[in-house]
């Protein structure tokens, strides 16, 4: 398409965010603080809005946004069935303790 602007989207598992961060992000989308949209099993966020997040304790989201910016990704879609990045910690639903891949794969059979 001539003149069309194409933006990159990365799809990640919602397991990369602890539940309290996911709930905060959804609330910020509802309040129009963040550009994004809620979905049935996750949400989608525009990646160029880190200034709006400075007042919130969203360490895992900040890490993922920085990673996405480094890779020139414009949008992050968090989906329950999205892929998990092996090098990034994950969280079980309704759990505050992270599951690291080191825990999962070191000596577990």
C-alpha atoms as a PDB file:
ATOM      1  CA  UNK A   1       0.000   0.000   0.000  1.00  0.00           C
ATOM      2  CA  UNK A   2       1.353   3.354  -0.956  1.00  0.00           C
ATOM      3  CA  UNK A   3       1.528   5.837   1.840  1.00  0.00           C
ATOM      4  CA  UNK A   4       0.366   3.333   4.444  1.00  0.00           C
ATOM      5  CA  UNK A   5       2.164   3.315   7.766  1.00  0.00           C
ATOM      6  CA  UNK A   6       2.870  -0.175   9.053  1.00  0.00           C
ATOM      7  CA  UNK A   7       3.411  -0.660  12.775  1.00  0.00           C
ATOM      8  CA  UNK A   8       5.020  -3.688  14.387  1.00  0.00           C
ATOM      9  CA  UNK A   9       3.099  -5.707  16.989  1.00  0.00           C
ATOM     10  CA  UNK A  10       4.622  -8.185  19.435  1.00  0.00           C
ATOM     11  CA  UNK A  11       2.348 -10.775  21.020  1.00  0.00           C
ATOM     12  CA  UNK A  12       3.314 -11.894  24.517  1.00  0.00           C
ATOM     13  CA  UNK A  13       1.740 -14.078  27.150  1.00  0.00           C
ATOM     14  CA  UNK A  14      -0.161 -12.340  29.920  1.00  0.00           C
ATOM     15  CA  UNK A  15       1.948 -14.569  32.202  1.00  0.00           C
ATOM     16  CA  UNK A  16       4.744 -11.984  31.833  1.00  0.00           C
ATOM     17  CA  UNK A  17       2.817  -9.579  34.096  1.00  0.00           C
ATOM     18  CA  UNK A  18       1.791 -10.131  37.703  1.00  0.00           C
ATOM     19  CA  UNK A  19      -1.920  -9.799  38.265  1.00  0.00           C
ATOM     20  CA  UNK A  20      -1.694  -6.442  40.081  1.00  0.00           C
ATOM     21  CA  UNK A  21       0.140  -4.909  37.105  1.00  0.00           C
ATOM     22  CA  UNK A  22      -2.358  -6.310  34.599  1.00  0.00           C
ATOM     23  CA  UNK A  23      -5.267  -4.884  36.617  1.00  0.00           C
ATOM     24  CA  UNK A  24      -3.557  -1.479  36.869  1.00  0.00           C
ATOM     25  CA  UNK A  25      -2.916  -1.429  33.125  1.00  0.00           C
ATOM     26  CA  UNK A  26      -6.549  -2.287  32.360  1.00  0.00           C
ATOM     27  CA  UNK A  27      -7.709   0.503  34.700  1.00  0.00           C
ATOM     28  CA  UNK A  28      -5.359   2.996  33.006  1.00  0.00           C
ATOM     29  CA  UNK A  29      -6.730   1.995  29.606  1.00  0.00           C
ATOM     30  CA  UNK A  30     -10.305   2.476  30.892  1.00  0.00           C
ATOM     31  CA  UNK A  31      -9.386   5.921  32.268  1.00  0.00           C
ATOM     32  CA  UNK A  32      -7.753   6.905  28.942  1.00  0.00           C
ATOM     33  CA  UNK A  33      -4.383   7.378  30.638  1.00  0.00           C
ATOM     34  CA  UNK A  34      -2.872   4.782  28.286  1.00  0.00           C
ATOM     35  CA  UNK A  35      -3.483   4.263  24.590  1.00  0.00           C
ATOM     36  CA  UNK A  36      -4.645   0.709  24.243  1.00  0.00           C
ATOM     37  CA  UNK A  37      -7.599  -1.618  24.237  1.00  0.00           C
ATOM     38  CA  UNK A  38      -8.854  -4.383  26.470  1.00  0.00           C
ATOM     39  CA  UNK A  39      -9.527  -7.781  25.002  1.00  0.00           C
ATOM     40  CA  UNK A  40     -11.318 -10.859  26.349  1.00  0.00           C
ATOM     41  CA  UNK A  41      -8.109 -12.466  27.561  1.00  0.00           C
ATOM     42  CA  UNK A  42      -5.638  -9.590  27.754  1.00  0.00           C
ATOM     43  CA  UNK A  43      -4.994  -6.166  26.285  1.00  0.00           C
ATOM     44  CA  UNK A  44      -3.012  -4.262  23.675  1.00  0.00           C
ATOM     45  CA  UNK A  45      -0.809  -1.248  24.454  1.00  0.00           C
ATOM     46  CA  UNK A  46       0.848   1.424  22.354  1.00  0.00           C
ATOM     47  CA  UNK A  47       4.538   1.310  23.157  1.00  0.00           C
ATOM     48  CA  UNK A  48       5.457   5.003  22.977  1.00  0.00           C
ATOM     49  CA  UNK A  49       3.868   6.210  26.197  1.00  0.00           C
ATOM     50  CA  UNK A  50       6.334   5.501  28.964  1.00  0.00           C
ATOM     51  CA  UNK A  51       6.007   9.055  30.334  1.00  0.00           C
ATOM     52  CA  UNK A  52       2.412   8.304  31.371  1.00  0.00           C
ATOM     53  CA  UNK A  53       3.638   5.352  33.440  1.00  0.00           C
ATOM     54  CA  UNK A  54       6.271   7.098  35.577  1.00  0.00           C
ATOM     55  CA  UNK A  55       3.919   7.483  38.557  1.00  0.00           C
ATOM     56  CA  UNK A  56       2.969   3.799  38.655  1.00  0.00           C
ATOM     57  CA  UNK A  57       4.835   0.806  40.047  1.00  0.00           C
ATOM     58  CA  UNK A  58       4.802  -1.356  36.924  1.00  0.00           C
ATOM     59  CA  UNK A  59       8.341  -2.710  36.855  1.00  0.00           C
ATOM     60  CA  UNK A  60       7.605  -5.734  34.674  1.00  0.00           C
ATOM     61  CA  UNK A  61       5.696  -3.652  32.137  1.00  0.00           C
ATOM     62  CA  UNK A  62       8.514  -1.065  32.035  1.00  0.00           C
ATOM     63  CA  UNK A  63      10.998  -3.843  31.330  1.00  0.00           C
ATOM     64  CA  UNK A  64       8.861  -5.260  28.506  1.00  0.00           C
ATOM     65  CA  UNK A  65       8.199  -1.812  27.001  1.00  0.00           C
ATOM     66  CA  UNK A  66      11.922  -1.038  26.980  1.00  0.00           C
ATOM     67  CA  UNK A  67      12.644  -4.400  25.379  1.00  0.00           C
ATOM     68  CA  UNK A  68       9.987  -3.743  22.732  1.00  0.00           C
ATOM     69  CA  UNK A  69      11.318  -0.241  22.022  1.00  0.00           C
ATOM     70  CA  UNK A  70      14.802  -1.681  21.571  1.00  0.00           C
ATOM     71  CA  UNK A  71      13.326  -4.058  18.971  1.00  0.00           C
ATOM     72  CA  UNK A  72      11.328  -1.225  17.262  1.00  0.00           C
ATOM     73  CA  UNK A  73       7.973  -2.711  18.265  1.00  0.00           C
ATOM     74  CA  UNK A  74       5.114  -0.175  18.285  1.00  0.00           C
ATOM     75  CA  UNK A  75       2.400  -2.236  20.016  1.00  0.00           C
ATOM     76  CA  UNK A  76       2.451  -4.953  22.654  1.00  0.00           C
ATOM     77  CA  UNK A  77      -0.444  -7.384  22.735  1.00  0.00           C
ATOM     78  CA  UNK A  78      -0.724  -9.404  25.924  1.00  0.00           C
ATOM     79  CA  UNK A  79      -2.765 -12.546  25.340  1.00  0.00           C
ATOM     80  CA  UNK A  80      -3.445 -15.533  27.570  1.00  0.00           C
ATOM     81  CA  UNK A  81      -2.373 -17.833  24.739  1.00  0.00           C
ATOM     82  CA  UNK A  82       0.527 -15.655  23.606  1.00  0.00           C
ATOM     83  CA  UNK A  83       4.071 -16.996  23.617  1.00  0.00           C
ATOM     84  CA  UNK A  84       6.312 -16.749  26.654  1.00  0.00           C
ATOM     85  CA  UNK A  85       9.796 -15.319  26.185  1.00  0.00           C
ATOM     86  CA  UNK A  86      12.280 -17.784  27.679  1.00  0.00           C
ATOM     87  CA  UNK A  87      14.531 -15.070  29.178  1.00  0.00           C
ATOM     88  CA  UNK A  88      11.697 -13.142  30.897  1.00  0.00           C
ATOM     89  CA  UNK A  89      10.113 -14.182  34.184  1.00  0.00           C
ATOM     90  CA  UNK A  90       6.506 -15.320  34.212  1.00  0.00           C
ATOM     91  CA  UNK A  91       3.763 -15.277  36.822  1.00  0.00           C
ATOM     92  CA  UNK A  92       1.032 -17.765  37.618  1.00  0.00           C
ATOM     93  CA  UNK A  93      -2.491 -16.324  37.673  1.00  0.00           C
ATOM     94  CA  UNK A  94      -3.488 -15.181  41.170  1.00  0.00           C
ATOM     95  CA  UNK A  95       0.099 -15.537  42.371  1.00  0.00           C
ATOM     96  CA  UNK A  96       2.605 -12.921  43.446  1.00  0.00           C
ATOM     97  CA  UNK A  97       5.664 -15.147  43.152  1.00  0.00           C
ATOM     98  CA  UNK A  98       7.431 -15.219  39.789  1.00  0.00           C
ATOM     99  CA  UNK A  99       8.233 -18.428  38.021  1.00  0.00           C
ATOM    100  CA  UNK A 100      11.637 -18.190  36.413  1.00  0.00           C
ATOM    101  CA  UNK A 101      12.746 -20.418  33.624  1.00  0.00           C
ATOM    102  CA  UNK A 102      15.752 -21.303  35.760  1.00  0.00           C
ATOM    103  CA  UNK A 103      13.339 -22.756  38.337  1.00  0.00           C
ATOM    104  CA  UNK A 104      11.380 -24.569  35.681  1.00  0.00           C
ATOM    105  CA  UNK A 105      14.277 -26.139  33.833  1.00  0.00           C
ATOM    106  CA  UNK A 106      17.119 -26.561  36.362  1.00  0.00           C
ATOM    107  CA  UNK A 107      16.966 -30.110  37.526  1.00  0.00           C
ATOM    108  CA  UNK A 108      13.231 -30.535  36.902  1.00  0.00           C
ATOM    109  CA  UNK A 109      12.376 -33.594  34.900  1.00  0.00           C
END
